[in-house]
Amino acid sequence: MKSRQFTNDFDHFEIGSYQDWKFGLIIRDVHRISENEFEIYDTSDGWVGCVVDKKTFLDLTNGLKSLLELNWI
């Protein structure tokens, strides 16, 4: 899903659901774990993930924050 489309559908992203998120050339899996938390999985170079809050997630989808700034584990 393109970032703009993802942002537009954000309010309909149910807690407990997963969606693909295309950011650049890579598709990542996003899991909404609560009203304010999202888990992002990246498999481009192994399997890593991170949990971000709603504001950070929206900043990522709008290009205001870089994925490189996250604490991947």
N, C-alpha and C. Protein backbone atom coordinates (compact mmCIF):
# COMPACT_ATOMS: atom_id res chain seq x y z
N MET A 1 0.85 -1.16 0.00
CA MET A 1 0.00 0.00 0.00
C MET A 1 0.91 1.24 0.00
N LYS A 2 0.57 2.19 -0.81
CA LYS A 2 1.36 3.42 -0.85
C LYS A 2 1.17 4.21 0.43
N SER A 3 2.21 4.98 0.80
CA SER A 3 2.16 5.72 2.07
C SER A 3 0.96 6.65 2.16
N ARG A 4 0.65 7.37 1.08
CA ARG A 4 -0.49 8.30 1.11
C ARG A 4 -1.78 7.52 1.34
N GLN A 5 -1.97 6.42 0.64
CA GLN A 5 -3.17 5.60 0.81
C GLN A 5 -3.22 5.06 2.24
N PHE A 6 -2.07 4.63 2.74
CA PHE A 6 -1.99 4.10 4.10
C PHE A 6 -2.43 5.17 5.10
N THR A 7 -1.94 6.39 4.93
CA THR A 7 -2.31 7.49 5.81
C THR A 7 -3.80 7.78 5.73
N ASN A 8 -4.35 7.74 4.52
CA ASN A 8 -5.78 8.00 4.35
C ASN A 8 -6.64 6.93 5.02
N ASP A 9 -6.16 5.68 5.04
CA ASP A 9 -6.91 4.58 5.64
C ASP A 9 -6.60 4.39 7.12
N PHE A 10 -5.77 5.25 7.67
CA PHE A 10 -5.27 5.11 9.03
C PHE A 10 -6.38 4.95 10.05
N ASP A 11 -7.43 5.72 9.97
CA ASP A 11 -8.51 5.66 10.95
C ASP A 11 -9.29 4.36 10.87
N HIS A 12 -9.17 3.64 9.76
CA HIS A 12 -9.90 2.37 9.59
C HIS A 12 -9.00 1.17 9.88
N PHE A 13 -7.79 1.41 10.33
CA PHE A 13 -6.82 0.36 10.64
C PHE A 13 -7.14 -0.16 12.04
N GLU A 14 -7.79 -1.31 12.11
CA GLU A 14 -8.29 -1.84 13.38
C GLU A 14 -7.18 -2.37 14.27
N ILE A 15 -7.36 -2.24 15.57
CA ILE A 15 -6.42 -2.79 16.54
C ILE A 15 -6.39 -4.30 16.36
N GLY A 16 -5.17 -4.86 16.32
CA GLY A 16 -4.99 -6.30 16.14
C GLY A 16 -4.81 -6.72 14.69
N SER A 17 -4.97 -5.80 13.76
CA SER A 17 -4.85 -6.15 12.34
C SER A 17 -3.45 -5.84 11.82
N TYR A 18 -3.12 -6.48 10.70
CA TYR A 18 -1.85 -6.28 10.00
C TYR A 18 -2.13 -5.70 8.63
N GLN A 19 -1.21 -4.87 8.15
CA GLN A 19 -1.31 -4.36 6.78
C GLN A 19 0.10 -4.25 6.21
N ASP A 20 0.18 -4.40 4.90
CA ASP A 20 1.43 -4.13 4.20
C ASP A 20 1.59 -2.64 4.05
N TRP A 21 2.80 -2.15 4.19
CA TRP A 21 3.09 -0.73 4.03
C TRP A 21 4.29 -0.59 3.12
N LYS A 22 4.09 -0.06 1.94
CA LYS A 22 5.19 0.13 0.99
C LYS A 22 5.82 1.48 1.27
N PHE A 23 7.08 1.43 1.67
CA PHE A 23 7.84 2.62 1.97
C PHE A 23 9.09 2.56 1.12
N GLY A 24 9.21 3.44 0.13
CA GLY A 24 10.33 3.34 -0.82
C GLY A 24 10.14 2.11 -1.67
N LEU A 25 11.17 1.28 -1.77
CA LEU A 25 11.10 0.08 -2.60
C LEU A 25 10.76 -1.16 -1.80
N ILE A 26 10.60 -1.04 -0.50
CA ILE A 26 10.43 -2.19 0.38
C ILE A 26 9.04 -2.18 1.00
N ILE A 27 8.44 -3.36 1.06
CA ILE A 27 7.14 -3.50 1.72
C ILE A 27 7.39 -4.02 3.12
N ARG A 28 6.84 -3.34 4.10
CA ARG A 28 6.96 -3.73 5.49
C ARG A 28 5.58 -4.13 6.03
N ASP A 29 5.57 -4.96 7.06
CA ASP A 29 4.33 -5.35 7.71
C ASP A 29 4.12 -4.44 8.92
N VAL A 30 2.92 -3.94 9.07
CA VAL A 30 2.58 -3.09 10.21
C VAL A 30 1.43 -3.74 10.96
N HIS A 31 1.59 -3.84 12.26
CA HIS A 31 0.60 -4.43 13.14
C HIS A 31 0.16 -3.35 14.13
N ARG A 32 -1.12 -3.07 14.14
CA ARG A 32 -1.62 -2.10 15.13
C ARG A 32 -1.91 -2.86 16.41
N ILE A 33 -1.10 -2.60 17.44
CA ILE A 33 -1.23 -3.38 18.67
C ILE A 33 -2.10 -2.70 19.73
N SER A 34 -2.34 -1.42 19.58
CA SER A 34 -3.25 -0.71 20.49
C SER A 34 -3.66 0.60 19.82
N GLU A 35 -4.44 1.39 20.51
CA GLU A 35 -4.88 2.67 19.96
C GLU A 35 -3.69 3.57 19.65
N ASN A 36 -2.61 3.44 20.43
CA ASN A 36 -1.48 4.35 20.28
C ASN A 36 -0.16 3.67 19.91
N GLU A 37 -0.16 2.36 19.64
CA GLU A 37 1.10 1.66 19.34
C GLU A 37 1.00 0.82 18.08
N PHE A 38 2.10 0.87 17.32
CA PHE A 38 2.22 0.11 16.09
C PHE A 38 3.54 -0.64 16.10
N GLU A 39 3.52 -1.86 15.61
CA GLU A 39 4.73 -2.65 15.48
C GLU A 39 5.03 -2.75 13.99
N ILE A 40 6.26 -2.42 13.61
CA ILE A 40 6.67 -2.45 12.22
C ILE A 40 7.69 -3.56 12.06
N TYR A 41 7.49 -4.45 11.07
CA TYR A 41 8.42 -5.52 10.77
C TYR A 41 9.08 -5.26 9.42
N ASP A 42 10.39 -5.42 9.38
CA ASP A 42 11.16 -5.21 8.15
C ASP A 42 11.93 -6.49 7.88
N THR A 43 11.76 -7.04 6.69
CA THR A 43 12.46 -8.27 6.32
C THR A 43 13.43 -8.06 5.17
N SER A 44 13.81 -6.82 4.91
CA SER A 44 14.70 -6.53 3.79
C SER A 44 16.12 -7.04 4.02
N ASP A 45 16.54 -7.16 5.28
CA ASP A 45 17.88 -7.65 5.59
C ASP A 45 17.79 -8.47 6.88
N GLY A 46 17.05 -9.56 6.83
CA GLY A 46 16.76 -10.33 8.03
C GLY A 46 15.39 -9.97 8.53
N TRP A 47 15.12 -10.29 9.79
CA TRP A 47 13.82 -10.00 10.37
C TRP A 47 14.02 -9.08 11.57
N VAL A 48 13.62 -7.83 11.45
CA VAL A 48 13.73 -6.88 12.56
C VAL A 48 12.37 -6.21 12.76
N GLY A 49 12.18 -5.67 13.94
CA GLY A 49 10.94 -4.99 14.23
C GLY A 49 11.15 -3.88 15.24
N CYS A 50 10.16 -3.03 15.35
CA CYS A 50 10.18 -1.98 16.36
C CYS A 50 8.75 -1.57 16.66
N VAL A 51 8.58 -0.99 17.84
CA VAL A 51 7.27 -0.49 18.26
C VAL A 51 7.37 1.03 18.30
N VAL A 52 6.39 1.69 17.69
CA VAL A 52 6.35 3.15 17.67
C VAL A 52 4.99 3.62 18.13
N ASP A 53 4.94 4.85 18.63
CA ASP A 53 3.66 5.42 19.02
C ASP A 53 2.96 6.02 17.79
N LYS A 54 1.73 6.45 17.99
CA LYS A 54 0.90 6.95 16.89
C LYS A 54 1.52 8.17 16.20
N LYS A 55 2.06 9.10 16.98
CA LYS A 55 2.66 10.30 16.39
C LYS A 55 3.86 9.93 15.53
N THR A 56 4.73 9.06 16.05
CA THR A 56 5.90 8.64 15.28
C THR A 56 5.48 7.93 14.00
N PHE A 57 4.46 7.07 14.11
CA PHE A 57 3.98 6.35 12.94
C PHE A 57 3.45 7.32 11.87
N LEU A 58 2.69 8.30 12.29
CA LEU A 58 2.18 9.28 11.34
C LEU A 58 3.32 10.10 10.74
N ASP A 59 4.33 10.45 11.55
CA ASP A 59 5.50 11.17 11.03
C ASP A 59 6.23 10.32 9.99
N LEU A 60 6.31 9.02 10.20
CA LEU A 60 6.95 8.12 9.23
C LEU A 60 6.17 8.09 7.92
N THR A 61 4.86 7.94 8.01
CA THR A 61 4.05 7.83 6.80
C THR A 61 3.98 9.15 6.03
N ASN A 62 4.20 10.25 6.71
CA ASN A 62 4.18 11.56 6.05
C ASN A 62 5.58 12.05 5.66
N GLY A 63 6.60 11.24 5.90
CA GLY A 63 7.96 11.60 5.50
C GLY A 63 8.65 12.59 6.43
N LEU A 64 8.12 12.79 7.63
CA LEU A 64 8.71 13.73 8.57
C LEU A 64 9.76 13.07 9.47
N LYS A 65 9.80 11.76 9.46
CA LYS A 65 10.75 11.00 10.26
C LYS A 65 11.27 9.86 9.40
N SER A 66 12.52 9.49 9.62
CA SER A 66 13.16 8.43 8.86
C SER A 66 13.09 7.11 9.60
N LEU A 67 12.96 6.02 8.86
CA LEU A 67 13.01 4.69 9.46
C LEU A 67 14.36 4.41 10.10
N LEU A 68 15.39 5.10 9.66
CA LEU A 68 16.73 4.93 10.20
C LEU A 68 16.83 5.46 11.64
N GLU A 69 15.89 6.29 12.05
CA GLU A 69 15.91 6.86 13.40
C GLU A 69 15.28 5.94 14.45
N LEU A 70 14.70 4.82 14.01
CA LEU A 70 14.00 3.93 14.93
C LEU A 70 14.95 2.97 15.61
N ASN A 71 14.51 2.44 16.75
CA ASN A 71 15.28 1.46 17.51
C ASN A 71 14.86 0.06 17.10
N TRP A 72 15.46 -0.46 16.03
CA TRP A 72 15.12 -1.78 15.51
C TRP A 72 15.74 -2.87 16.38
N ILE A 73 14.99 -3.94 16.64
CA ILE A 73 15.52 -5.07 17.38
C ILE A 73 15.21 -6.37 16.66
